[in-house]
């Protein structure tokens, strides 16, 4: 059993490492591959490319889930790791936008789609494989080892990135050194394939195949049969979507929040998140074992409920401990944009065909670039927008006007001076970061992740029959994590960019987690004592 867990988990760690390298380096990738648009649009577009890998995960679940139920668990996740590893390696040698233009982001998105397809088949195979080896009463604990792999993969990616940053220096790393972590994946791929070739097939699947009881049409049986489809839908909305948003908020969005909104240095932010992950990872096993004792449902739903109730105070605490100067400036001299709402647009145009020139857009773009939160105040139609920093008003300008070239530098200089006088920092002051308390807050966020994620694999395995288990459990898992979770950073950051409120993006995970608590409490049945 130890060999099964080790082999399955280690290979899955490497696969998550490959997948999450992109997310960990999203800020750099936005400059390398999306430099043809403004910085805000570039970062949102980079997050969309990150999310593209998540968008196709359900399709990977269908393709590889069907293959796993027809051919076997072992051979299916050998194929998935080959696709993942090779796609990651190619990202490391892909020319940037400056070298080959629009072809660079197109190829990058294609590689992300391949990674998403591979991951769509990976998780269900690994979780099913371990669960089908596990003795009754230990499935929560044993499958929780698989649950640690996503966090360990993220942790490994952060460590490799930090090592490269320290060895090369920031300038060299951002210019070319960011490619090294992607190239390293080729060595990890070799180790993973060697490990997985040595595995035997799942005993339950092997016995079922020997008896001629495997499914001939696992997709039709899984989703064409209302009794099973109903369980799929309940699992999706009563378990997985809440688990997904809690996972991505606690690990990925927290990192983006520190670097993009609180302006914490990327190396420092990665170290802080890595420390919280190191402290929190053992609790996946604790929560998995706890679910063997008291049930999967109460542990998962409690994690969703706690997250929904505490995200606002926890992220405000991150601001307090990571960038106290920003918190103080917001309280002492709040920034508002006073503008005609008809002039204000959502400044995102991926293909670079639109220019945002109204005085409202100019004002908001300047504040987003400076990393300054703001509120919106409606002004009469036709009014030139102005930025108010406390009691100081700075009029914006129309960037399409004939004298815009002269007005632009004056506006930026005046606004910069007003923000500096009000105490708004250009970046978080390293000397004022309370590292211990930031790690403590991040640890609480990771603890919620362990509650929702530790028991989920065992529960999904237990919900479905062996003959269609791989297919049935993979689709709701990857719809929830691929669509609801994977699009969370993009959606949340876009909400922040549109509203100016750095906490507004949290409404997305809070609403989804609360939905899961309600649906799960009413419709999900406990499964810990089910005979699989």
Protein backbone atom coordinates (compact mmCIF):
# COMPACT_ATOMS: atom_id res chain seq x y z
CA UNK A 1 0.00 0.00 0.00
CA UNK A 2 2.89 2.35 0.80
CA UNK A 3 4.32 1.70 -2.66
CA UNK A 4 0.98 2.43 -4.34
CA UNK A 5 0.55 5.70 -2.43
CA UNK A 6 4.16 6.80 -3.02
CA UNK A 7 4.17 6.01 -6.73
CA UNK A 8 0.78 7.60 -7.39
CA UNK A 9 1.44 10.67 -5.27
CA UNK A 10 4.96 11.43 -6.51
CA UNK A 11 3.94 11.28 -10.14
CA UNK A 12 0.95 13.51 -9.43
CA UNK A 13 3.16 16.02 -7.55
CA UNK A 14 5.29 16.40 -10.65
CA UNK A 15 2.22 16.83 -12.83
CA UNK A 16 0.83 19.58 -10.57
CA UNK A 17 4.29 21.18 -10.55
CA UNK A 18 4.13 21.43 -14.31
CA UNK A 19 0.61 22.82 -14.30
CA UNK A 20 1.16 25.43 -11.59
CA UNK A 21 4.46 26.83 -12.82
CA UNK A 22 2.44 29.01 -15.15
CA UNK A 23 0.27 30.39 -12.36
CA UNK A 24 3.26 31.09 -10.13
CA UNK A 25 4.92 33.04 -12.96
CA UNK A 26 1.79 34.74 -14.35
CA UNK A 27 3.12 38.27 -13.76
CA UNK A 28 6.32 37.56 -15.73
CA UNK A 29 4.50 35.61 -18.44
CA UNK A 30 2.16 38.56 -18.98
CA UNK A 31 5.21 40.69 -19.89
CA UNK A 32 6.84 38.01 -22.04
CA UNK A 33 3.84 36.85 -24.09
CA UNK A 34 1.19 39.61 -23.83
CA UNK A 35 3.32 42.75 -24.11
CA UNK A 36 1.22 44.09 -26.99
CA UNK A 37 -1.48 45.45 -24.64
CA UNK A 38 -1.54 47.70 -21.55
CA UNK A 39 -0.22 46.18 -18.27
CA UNK A 40 -3.66 45.67 -16.67
CA UNK A 41 -5.03 43.93 -19.76
CA UNK A 42 -1.81 41.93 -20.11
CA UNK A 43 -2.09 40.53 -16.60
CA UNK A 44 -5.79 39.70 -16.98
CA UNK A 45 -5.05 38.07 -20.35
CA UNK A 46 -2.19 36.07 -18.79
CA UNK A 47 -4.65 34.87 -16.14
CA UNK A 48 -7.10 33.96 -18.89
CA UNK A 49 -4.42 31.85 -20.57
CA UNK A 50 -3.81 30.26 -17.16
CA UNK A 51 -7.54 29.62 -16.90
CA UNK A 52 -7.62 28.13 -20.42
CA UNK A 53 -5.92 25.07 -19.03
CA UNK A 54 -8.72 24.77 -16.52
CA UNK A 55 -11.42 25.33 -19.13
CA UNK A 56 -10.59 22.12 -20.98
CA UNK A 57 -10.11 19.94 -17.89
CA UNK A 58 -13.69 18.57 -18.07
CA UNK A 59 -13.05 17.47 -21.66
CA UNK A 60 -9.88 15.74 -20.52
CA UNK A 61 -11.96 14.09 -17.80
CA UNK A 62 -14.33 12.70 -20.45
CA UNK A 63 -11.59 11.51 -22.81
CA UNK A 64 -9.28 9.97 -20.24
CA UNK A 65 -12.04 8.96 -17.84
CA UNK A 66 -13.58 6.86 -20.59
CA UNK A 67 -10.17 5.41 -21.42
CA UNK A 68 -9.56 4.62 -17.75
CA UNK A 69 -12.86 2.78 -17.41
CA UNK A 70 -12.30 0.87 -20.66
CA UNK A 71 -8.56 0.09 -20.63
CA UNK A 72 -7.42 0.60 -17.05
CA UNK A 73 -6.21 3.14 -14.50
CA UNK A 74 -2.45 2.56 -14.88
CA UNK A 75 -2.03 3.10 -18.63
CA UNK A 76 -4.30 6.12 -18.70
CA UNK A 77 -2.29 8.17 -16.27
CA UNK A 78 0.94 7.17 -18.03
CA UNK A 79 -0.42 8.94 -21.11
CA UNK A 80 -1.54 12.00 -19.15
CA UNK A 81 1.86 12.59 -17.54
CA UNK A 82 3.63 12.35 -20.90
CA UNK A 83 1.36 15.02 -22.39
CA UNK A 84 1.78 17.27 -19.35
CA UNK A 85 5.56 17.00 -19.11
CA UNK A 86 6.25 17.58 -22.79
CA UNK A 87 3.86 20.57 -22.97
CA UNK A 88 5.57 22.17 -19.98
CA UNK A 89 9.03 21.69 -21.49
CA UNK A 90 7.96 23.39 -24.73
CA UNK A 91 6.79 26.48 -22.76
CA UNK A 92 10.37 26.76 -21.54
CA UNK A 93 11.73 27.09 -25.10
CA UNK A 94 8.84 29.09 -26.61
CA UNK A 95 9.94 32.46 -28.11
CA UNK A 96 8.35 35.57 -26.58
CA UNK A 97 5.94 38.11 -28.11
CA UNK A 98 8.89 40.37 -28.93
CA UNK A 99 10.40 37.60 -31.09
CA UNK A 100 7.46 36.09 -32.98
CA UNK A 101 4.54 38.41 -32.24
CA UNK A 102 0.98 37.12 -31.89
CA UNK A 103 2.12 33.55 -32.58
CA UNK A 104 3.72 33.41 -29.12
CA UNK A 105 0.52 33.78 -27.06
CA UNK A 106 -1.37 31.54 -29.51
CA UNK A 107 1.13 28.68 -29.03
CA UNK A 108 1.21 29.34 -25.28
CA UNK A 109 -2.57 28.98 -25.02
CA UNK A 110 -2.43 25.78 -27.11
CA UNK A 111 0.12 24.30 -24.70
CA UNK A 112 -2.05 25.30 -21.74
CA UNK A 113 -4.97 23.50 -23.39
CA UNK A 114 -2.88 20.33 -23.72
CA UNK A 115 -1.88 20.61 -20.05
CA UNK A 116 -5.51 21.02 -19.06
CA UNK A 117 -6.57 17.95 -21.05
CA UNK A 118 -3.83 15.90 -19.40
CA UNK A 119 -4.72 17.07 -15.91
CA UNK A 120 -8.37 16.29 -16.63
CA UNK A 121 -7.40 12.64 -16.85
CA UNK A 122 -4.73 12.59 -14.18
CA UNK A 123 -6.54 13.31 -10.94
CA UNK A 124 -9.42 10.87 -11.35
CA UNK A 125 -6.98 8.10 -12.23
CA UNK A 126 -4.68 8.66 -9.27
CA UNK A 127 -7.53 9.07 -6.76
CA UNK A 128 -9.41 6.04 -8.06
CA UNK A 129 -6.24 3.93 -8.18
CA UNK A 130 -5.34 4.63 -4.53
CA UNK A 131 -8.93 4.32 -3.27
CA UNK A 132 -9.36 0.95 -4.96
CA UNK A 133 -6.26 -0.32 -3.15
CA UNK A 134 -7.22 1.14 0.25
CA UNK A 135 -8.82 -0.99 3.02
CA UNK A 136 -12.24 0.07 4.39
CA UNK A 137 -11.98 2.67 7.12
CA UNK A 138 -8.73 4.10 5.70
CA UNK A 139 -9.83 5.52 2.34
CA UNK A 140 -10.00 9.08 3.66
CA UNK A 141 -6.46 8.90 5.04
CA UNK A 142 -4.92 7.07 2.09
CA UNK A 143 -6.52 9.21 -0.64
CA UNK A 144 -5.55 12.32 1.34
CA UNK A 145 -1.97 11.60 0.23
CA UNK A 146 -3.17 12.26 -3.32
CA UNK A 147 -4.80 15.46 -2.04
CA UNK A 148 -1.44 16.73 -0.78
CA UNK A 149 0.00 16.50 -4.28
CA UNK A 150 -1.60 19.67 -5.64
CA UNK A 151 -0.22 21.72 -2.76
CA UNK A 152 3.15 19.96 -2.86
CA UNK A 153 3.32 20.58 -6.62
CA UNK A 154 2.65 24.28 -6.04
CA UNK A 155 5.18 24.27 -3.19
CA UNK A 156 7.80 22.61 -5.40
CA UNK A 157 7.18 25.14 -8.17
CA UNK A 158 7.62 28.01 -5.71
CA UNK A 159 10.87 26.51 -4.37
CA UNK A 160 12.36 26.04 -7.83
CA UNK A 161 11.33 29.58 -8.81
CA UNK A 162 12.84 31.02 -5.62
CA UNK A 163 16.08 29.10 -6.12
CA UNK A 164 16.38 30.45 -9.67
CA UNK A 165 15.56 34.00 -8.54
CA UNK A 166 18.20 33.91 -5.81
CA UNK A 167 20.85 32.33 -8.04
CA UNK A 168 20.30 34.59 -11.06
CA UNK A 169 19.03 37.84 -9.58
CA UNK A 170 15.71 39.50 -10.38
CA UNK A 171 16.73 41.11 -13.69
CA UNK A 172 18.20 37.95 -15.23
CA UNK A 173 15.38 35.78 -13.92
CA UNK A 174 12.67 37.98 -15.44
CA UNK A 175 14.59 38.27 -18.72
CA UNK A 176 15.33 34.57 -19.32
CA UNK A 177 15.79 32.65 -16.06
CA UNK A 178 12.03 32.07 -15.67
CA UNK A 179 12.40 29.42 -18.39
CA UNK A 180 14.58 27.15 -16.23
CA UNK A 181 11.74 25.82 -14.00
CA UNK A 182 9.87 24.79 -17.16
CA UNK A 183 12.93 23.03 -18.58
CA UNK A 184 13.49 21.16 -15.31
CA UNK A 185 10.16 19.42 -15.91
CA UNK A 186 11.82 17.15 -18.48
CA UNK A 187 13.87 15.47 -15.73
CA UNK A 188 10.78 15.17 -13.51
CA UNK A 189 8.91 13.62 -16.43
CA UNK A 190 11.55 10.90 -16.75
CA UNK A 191 11.29 10.04 -13.04
CA UNK A 192 7.48 10.01 -13.17
CA UNK A 193 7.27 7.72 -16.19
CA UNK A 194 9.78 5.29 -14.66
CA UNK A 195 7.72 5.15 -11.44
CA UNK A 196 4.40 4.63 -13.18
CA UNK A 197 5.61 1.93 -15.57
CA UNK A 198 6.39 -0.18 -12.50
CA UNK A 199 2.84 0.00 -11.09
CA UNK A 200 0.32 -2.85 -11.31
CA UNK A 201 -3.28 -2.32 -12.35
CA UNK A 202 -5.93 -1.56 -9.69
CA UNK A 203 -7.09 -4.89 -8.16
CA UNK A 204 -10.78 -3.93 -8.38
CA UNK A 205 -10.49 -3.01 -12.06
CA UNK A 206 -8.39 -6.10 -12.83
CA UNK A 207 -10.96 -8.39 -11.16
CA UNK A 208 -13.84 -6.66 -12.92
CA UNK A 209 -12.06 -6.94 -16.28
CA UNK A 210 -11.31 -10.63 -15.71
CA UNK A 211 -15.01 -11.22 -15.04
CA UNK A 212 -16.02 -9.28 -18.18
CA UNK A 213 -17.95 -6.67 -16.17
CA UNK A 214 -16.26 -3.49 -17.40
CA UNK A 215 -18.45 -0.81 -18.93
CA UNK A 216 -18.73 -0.77 -22.72
CA UNK A 217 -19.96 2.85 -22.77
CA UNK A 218 -18.84 4.63 -19.56
CA UNK A 219 -19.86 8.11 -20.77
CA UNK A 220 -23.40 7.00 -21.64
CA UNK A 221 -23.72 5.08 -18.37
CA UNK A 222 -22.37 8.00 -16.34
CA UNK A 223 -24.36 10.85 -17.84
CA UNK A 224 -27.13 9.28 -19.91
CA UNK A 225 -28.64 7.61 -16.86
CA UNK A 226 -30.62 10.09 -14.72
CA UNK A 227 -29.95 8.22 -11.46
CA UNK A 228 -26.19 8.58 -11.93
CA UNK A 229 -26.39 12.04 -13.54
CA UNK A 230 -28.33 13.29 -10.51
CA UNK A 231 -25.46 12.17 -8.26
CA UNK A 232 -22.98 13.90 -10.58
CA UNK A 233 -24.90 17.19 -10.32
CA UNK A 234 -25.27 16.94 -6.53
CA UNK A 235 -21.54 16.19 -6.22
CA UNK A 236 -20.74 19.19 -8.41
CA UNK A 237 -22.80 21.82 -6.61
CA UNK A 238 -22.97 20.26 -3.16
CA UNK A 239 -19.26 19.46 -2.84
CA UNK A 240 -16.87 20.33 -5.62
CA UNK A 241 -17.59 23.96 -6.60
CA UNK A 242 -17.20 25.09 -2.98
CA UNK A 243 -14.06 23.02 -2.55
CA UNK A 244 -12.66 24.52 -5.77
CA UNK A 245 -13.10 28.20 -4.88
CA UNK A 246 -11.76 27.66 -1.36
CA UNK A 247 -8.70 25.89 -2.79
CA UNK A 248 -7.88 28.56 -5.36
CA UNK A 249 -8.59 31.45 -3.02
CA UNK A 250 -6.44 30.03 -0.24
CA UNK A 251 -3.45 29.21 -2.40
CA UNK A 252 -3.46 31.07 -5.71
CA UNK A 253 -5.56 34.17 -5.20
CA UNK A 254 -3.76 34.83 -1.91
CA UNK A 255 -0.47 34.93 -3.84
CA UNK A 256 -1.89 37.25 -6.52
CA UNK A 257 -3.41 39.44 -3.80
CA UNK A 258 -0.02 39.87 -2.13
CA UNK A 259 1.94 40.60 -5.30
CA UNK A 260 -0.53 42.47 -7.52
CA UNK A 261 -2.71 44.36 -5.04
CA UNK A 262 -0.54 44.77 -1.95
CA UNK A 263 2.65 45.18 -4.03
CA UNK A 264 4.68 42.76 -1.94
CA UNK A 265 7.94 41.79 -3.64
CA UNK A 266 7.41 38.55 -5.60
CA UNK A 267 10.26 36.71 -3.90
CA UNK A 268 8.99 37.65 -0.44
CA UNK A 269 5.40 36.72 -1.34
CA UNK A 270 6.49 33.33 -2.68
CA UNK A 271 8.43 32.63 0.52
CA UNK A 272 5.47 33.58 2.69
CA UNK A 273 3.06 31.39 0.72
CA UNK A 274 5.57 28.53 0.66
CA UNK A 275 5.93 28.73 4.46
CA UNK A 276 2.16 28.56 4.92
CA UNK A 277 1.94 25.60 2.53
CA UNK A 278 4.70 23.78 4.40
CA UNK A 279 2.87 24.26 7.70
CA UNK A 280 -0.55 23.42 6.29
CA UNK A 281 0.15 20.39 4.09
CA UNK A 282 0.15 17.77 6.91
CA UNK A 283 -3.43 18.79 7.69
CA UNK A 284 -4.62 17.21 4.43
CA UNK A 285 -3.85 13.89 6.09
CA UNK A 286 -5.41 15.03 9.37
CA UNK A 287 -8.64 16.01 7.63
CA UNK A 288 -8.68 12.84 5.54
CA UNK A 289 -8.29 10.71 8.68
CA UNK A 290 -10.90 12.82 10.49
CA UNK A 291 -13.35 12.15 7.66
CA UNK A 292 -12.83 8.41 8.23
CA UNK A 293 -14.07 8.95 11.79
CA UNK A 294 -16.85 11.54 11.61
CA UNK A 295 -17.71 11.55 7.89
CA UNK A 296 -16.63 13.37 4.74
CA UNK A 297 -19.62 15.70 4.51
CA UNK A 298 -19.28 17.60 7.82
CA UNK A 299 -15.56 18.26 7.28
CA UNK A 300 -15.99 19.57 3.71
CA UNK A 301 -19.04 21.73 4.42
CA UNK A 302 -17.47 23.18 7.59
CA UNK A 303 -14.47 24.29 5.53
CA UNK A 304 -16.73 26.01 2.98
CA UNK A 305 -18.77 27.73 5.70
CA UNK A 306 -15.71 28.99 7.59
CA UNK A 307 -14.19 30.34 4.39
CA UNK A 308 -17.36 32.20 3.40
CA UNK A 309 -17.65 33.77 6.86
CA UNK A 310 -14.02 34.82 7.29
CA UNK A 311 -12.54 35.77 3.91
CA UNK A 312 -13.16 39.50 4.27
CA UNK A 313 -11.51 39.84 7.71
CA UNK A 314 -8.66 37.51 6.73
CA UNK A 315 -7.76 39.42 3.57
CA UNK A 316 -8.06 42.72 5.42
CA UNK A 317 -5.63 41.23 7.92
CA UNK A 318 -3.25 40.45 5.06
CA UNK A 319 -3.32 44.14 4.11
CA UNK A 320 -2.78 45.16 7.74
CA UNK A 321 0.26 42.94 8.21
CA UNK A 322 1.77 42.98 4.68
CA UNK A 323 1.30 46.64 3.69
CA UNK A 324 0.27 48.72 6.72
CA UNK A 325 1.14 51.95 4.91
CA UNK A 326 -1.53 51.22 2.29
CA UNK A 327 -4.11 50.47 4.99
CA UNK A 328 -3.27 53.68 6.85
CA UNK A 329 -3.39 55.80 3.67
CA UNK A 330 -6.78 54.33 2.72
CA UNK A 331 -8.18 55.28 6.11
CA UNK A 332 -6.60 58.74 6.29
CA UNK A 333 -7.01 59.87 2.67
CA UNK A 334 -9.40 57.63 0.70
CA UNK A 335 -9.17 57.91 -3.08
CA UNK A 336 -12.27 58.39 -5.21
CA UNK A 337 -12.81 58.77 -8.94
CA UNK A 338 -15.53 61.31 -9.62
CA UNK A 339 -16.69 60.79 -13.19
CA UNK A 340 -19.59 60.50 -15.60
CA UNK A 341 -20.39 56.73 -15.49
CA UNK A 342 -21.06 56.76 -19.23
CA UNK A 343 -17.40 57.65 -19.79
CA UNK A 344 -16.04 54.74 -17.73
CA UNK A 345 -15.32 51.45 -19.50
CA UNK A 346 -13.97 48.08 -18.47
CA UNK A 347 -10.40 48.45 -19.67
CA UNK A 348 -9.73 45.02 -21.11
CA UNK A 349 -9.13 44.45 -24.81
CA UNK A 350 -7.04 41.33 -25.44
CA UNK A 351 -6.28 42.02 -29.09
CA UNK A 352 -5.23 45.62 -28.50
CA UNK A 353 -7.71 47.19 -30.94
CA UNK A 354 -9.26 49.63 -28.46
CA UNK A 355 -7.72 52.69 -26.83
CA UNK A 356 -9.12 53.88 -23.52
CA UNK A 357 -8.95 57.65 -23.80
CA UNK A 358 -11.82 59.16 -21.78
CA UNK A 359 -10.90 61.16 -18.70
CA UNK A 360 -12.49 58.48 -16.50
CA UNK A 361 -10.42 55.73 -18.13
CA UNK A 362 -7.26 57.82 -17.82
CA UNK A 363 -7.89 58.36 -14.11
CA UNK A 364 -8.64 54.70 -13.36
CA UNK A 365 -5.74 53.41 -15.45
CA UNK A 366 -3.35 55.64 -13.52
CA UNK A 367 -4.65 54.37 -10.18
CA UNK A 368 -4.56 50.71 -11.22
CA UNK A 369 -0.99 51.18 -12.48
CA UNK A 370 -0.04 52.72 -9.12
CA UNK A 371 -1.80 49.91 -7.23
CA UNK A 372 -4.06 52.34 -5.39
CA UNK A 373 -7.59 51.24 -4.32
CA UNK A 374 -10.37 53.69 -5.07
CA UNK A 375 -14.11 54.22 -4.83
CA UNK A 376 -16.41 55.49 -7.60
CA UNK A 377 -18.61 58.58 -7.38
CA UNK A 378 -21.02 59.47 -10.19
CA UNK A 379 -20.77 62.94 -11.69
CA UNK A 380 -23.16 64.78 -14.06
CA UNK A 381 -23.01 63.87 -17.74
CA UNK A 382 -20.15 65.51 -19.61
CA UNK A 383 -18.09 66.20 -16.49
CA UNK A 384 -14.33 65.80 -16.79
CA UNK A 385 -13.26 63.09 -14.37
CA UNK A 386 -11.15 63.93 -11.36
CA UNK A 387 -9.26 61.93 -8.78
CA UNK A 388 -9.75 62.96 -5.17
CA UNK A 389 -7.00 61.98 -2.77
CA UNK A 390 -8.48 62.91 0.59
CA UNK A 391 -9.46 66.54 0.09
CA UNK A 392 -7.13 67.11 -2.87
CA UNK A 393 -8.76 67.02 -6.32
CA UNK A 394 -6.70 66.30 -9.45
CA UNK A 395 -8.54 66.75 -12.76
CA UNK A 396 -7.91 64.07 -15.40
CA UNK A 397 -7.83 64.75 -19.13
CA UNK A 398 -9.08 63.39 -22.43
CA UNK A 399 -6.25 61.32 -23.91
CA UNK A 400 -7.61 61.86 -27.43
CA UNK A 401 -7.42 65.67 -27.18
CA UNK A 402 -4.85 67.60 -29.20
CA UNK A 403 -2.97 68.72 -26.07
CA UNK A 404 -3.02 65.29 -24.40
CA UNK A 405 0.75 64.87 -24.84
CA UNK A 406 1.31 67.96 -22.72
CA UNK A 407 -1.42 67.22 -20.15
CA UNK A 408 -0.40 63.60 -19.54
CA UNK A 409 2.93 64.18 -17.74
CA UNK A 410 1.43 67.00 -15.68
CA UNK A 411 -1.49 64.81 -14.53
CA UNK A 412 0.76 61.88 -13.65
CA UNK A 413 3.20 64.13 -11.76
CA UNK A 414 0.42 65.86 -9.82
CA UNK A 415 -1.36 62.60 -9.00
CA UNK A 416 1.90 60.92 -7.97
CA UNK A 417 2.72 63.83 -5.67
CA UNK A 418 -0.74 63.78 -4.07
CA UNK A 419 -0.59 60.02 -3.49
CA UNK A 420 2.91 60.25 -2.02
CA UNK A 421 1.86 63.12 0.28
CA UNK A 422 -1.12 61.05 1.46
CA UNK A 423 1.19 58.16 2.30
CA UNK A 424 0.27 55.73 -0.48
CA UNK A 425 3.32 53.46 -0.96
CA UNK A 426 4.70 52.56 -4.38
CA UNK A 427 5.32 49.07 -2.98
CA UNK A 428 5.05 47.27 0.33
CA UNK A 429 7.93 48.25 2.63
CA UNK A 430 9.88 45.03 3.40
CA UNK A 431 10.87 46.40 6.80
CA UNK A 432 7.22 46.86 7.83
CA UNK A 433 5.93 43.44 6.73
CA UNK A 434 4.97 41.35 9.75
CA UNK A 435 6.16 38.07 8.31
CA UNK A 436 4.95 35.88 11.17
CA UNK A 437 1.42 37.25 11.08
CA UNK A 438 1.19 37.12 7.28
CA UNK A 439 2.21 33.45 7.39
CA UNK A 440 -0.35 32.89 10.18
CA UNK A 441 -3.17 34.37 8.07
CA UNK A 442 -2.06 32.39 5.02
CA UNK A 443 -1.91 29.24 7.18
CA UNK A 444 -5.56 29.73 8.17
CA UNK A 445 -6.48 30.05 4.50
CA UNK A 446 -4.56 26.83 3.74
CA UNK A 447 -6.25 25.12 6.71
CA UNK A 448 -9.64 25.78 5.08
CA UNK A 449 -8.19 24.25 1.90
CA UNK A 450 -7.24 21.07 3.78
CA UNK A 451 -10.74 20.78 5.21
CA UNK A 452 -12.47 20.90 1.83
CA UNK A 453 -9.82 19.09 -0.20
CA UNK A 454 -8.51 16.39 2.14
CA UNK A 455 -11.67 14.21 2.12
CA UNK A 456 -13.00 15.05 -1.37
CA UNK A 457 -11.24 12.26 -3.31
CA UNK A 458 -12.54 9.50 -1.03
CA UNK A 459 -16.04 10.94 -1.15
CA UNK A 460 -16.16 11.18 -4.94
CA UNK A 461 -14.82 7.64 -5.32
CA UNK A 462 -17.46 6.34 -2.90
CA UNK A 463 -20.33 8.04 -4.73
CA UNK A 464 -19.98 6.02 -7.95
CA UNK A 465 -19.83 2.32 -9.00
CA UNK A 466 -16.49 0.77 -10.04
CA UNK A 467 -17.40 0.20 -13.70
CA UNK A 468 -17.90 3.93 -14.38
CA UNK A 469 -16.06 5.44 -11.40
CA UNK A 470 -13.16 7.07 -13.29
CA UNK A 471 -15.50 8.84 -15.72
CA UNK A 472 -18.25 9.73 -13.24
CA UNK A 473 -16.02 11.28 -10.57
CA UNK A 474 -13.65 13.03 -12.99
CA UNK A 475 -16.22 15.20 -14.75
CA UNK A 476 -17.77 16.97 -11.71
CA UNK A 477 -14.32 17.33 -10.15
CA UNK A 478 -12.87 19.02 -13.22
CA UNK A 479 -15.93 21.16 -13.97
CA UNK A 480 -15.79 22.43 -10.41
CA UNK A 481 -12.03 22.89 -10.22
CA UNK A 482 -11.48 23.71 -13.87
CA UNK A 483 -14.28 26.20 -14.40
CA UNK A 484 -15.39 27.51 -11.01
CA UNK A 485 -11.94 27.31 -9.42
CA UNK A 486 -9.65 27.86 -12.39
CA UNK A 487 -11.39 31.05 -13.46
CA UNK A 488 -11.36 32.45 -9.93
CA UNK A 489 -8.10 34.48 -10.19
CA UNK A 490 -9.17 35.96 -13.52
CA UNK A 491 -12.70 36.76 -12.36
CA UNK A 492 -11.66 38.16 -9.00
CA UNK A 493 -8.88 40.33 -10.44
CA UNK A 494 -11.22 41.63 -13.15
CA UNK A 495 -13.81 42.58 -10.49
CA UNK A 496 -11.11 44.45 -8.58
CA UNK A 497 -9.93 46.25 -11.72
CA UNK A 498 -13.52 47.25 -12.57
CA UNK A 499 -14.53 48.46 -9.10
CA UNK A 500 -11.28 49.73 -7.62
CA UNK A 501 -12.04 47.82 -4.40
CA UNK A 502 -9.22 45.37 -3.65
CA UNK A 503 -11.60 43.17 -1.62
CA UNK A 504 -14.48 43.08 -4.12
CA UNK A 505 -13.10 39.99 -5.89
CA UNK A 506 -13.74 37.95 -2.73
CA UNK A 507 -17.48 38.01 -3.36
CA UNK A 508 -17.00 35.36 -6.04
CA UNK A 509 -15.61 32.60 -3.77
CA UNK A 510 -17.85 33.61 -0.86
CA UNK A 511 -21.07 33.23 -2.87
CA UNK A 512 -19.96 29.91 -4.42
CA UNK A 513 -18.83 28.46 -1.07
CA UNK A 514 -22.12 29.48 0.55
CA UNK A 515 -24.05 27.82 -2.31
CA UNK A 516 -22.18 24.57 -1.67
CA UNK A 517 -22.99 24.69 2.05
CA UNK A 518 -26.72 24.96 1.30
CA UNK A 519 -26.85 22.33 -1.48
CA UNK A 520 -24.52 19.97 0.35
CA UNK A 521 -26.43 20.16 3.62
CA UNK A 522 -29.74 19.42 1.89
CA UNK A 523 -28.82 16.85 -0.79
CA UNK A 524 -25.43 15.21 -0.25
CA UNK A 525 -25.44 11.82 1.49
CA UNK A 526 -22.61 10.60 3.72
CA UNK A 527 -20.39 7.95 2.09
CA UNK A 528 -17.62 7.00 4.53
CA UNK A 529 -19.07 3.53 5.25
CA UNK A 530 -19.95 2.68 1.63
CA UNK A 531 -18.54 -0.62 0.31
CA UNK A 532 -16.83 0.23 -2.99
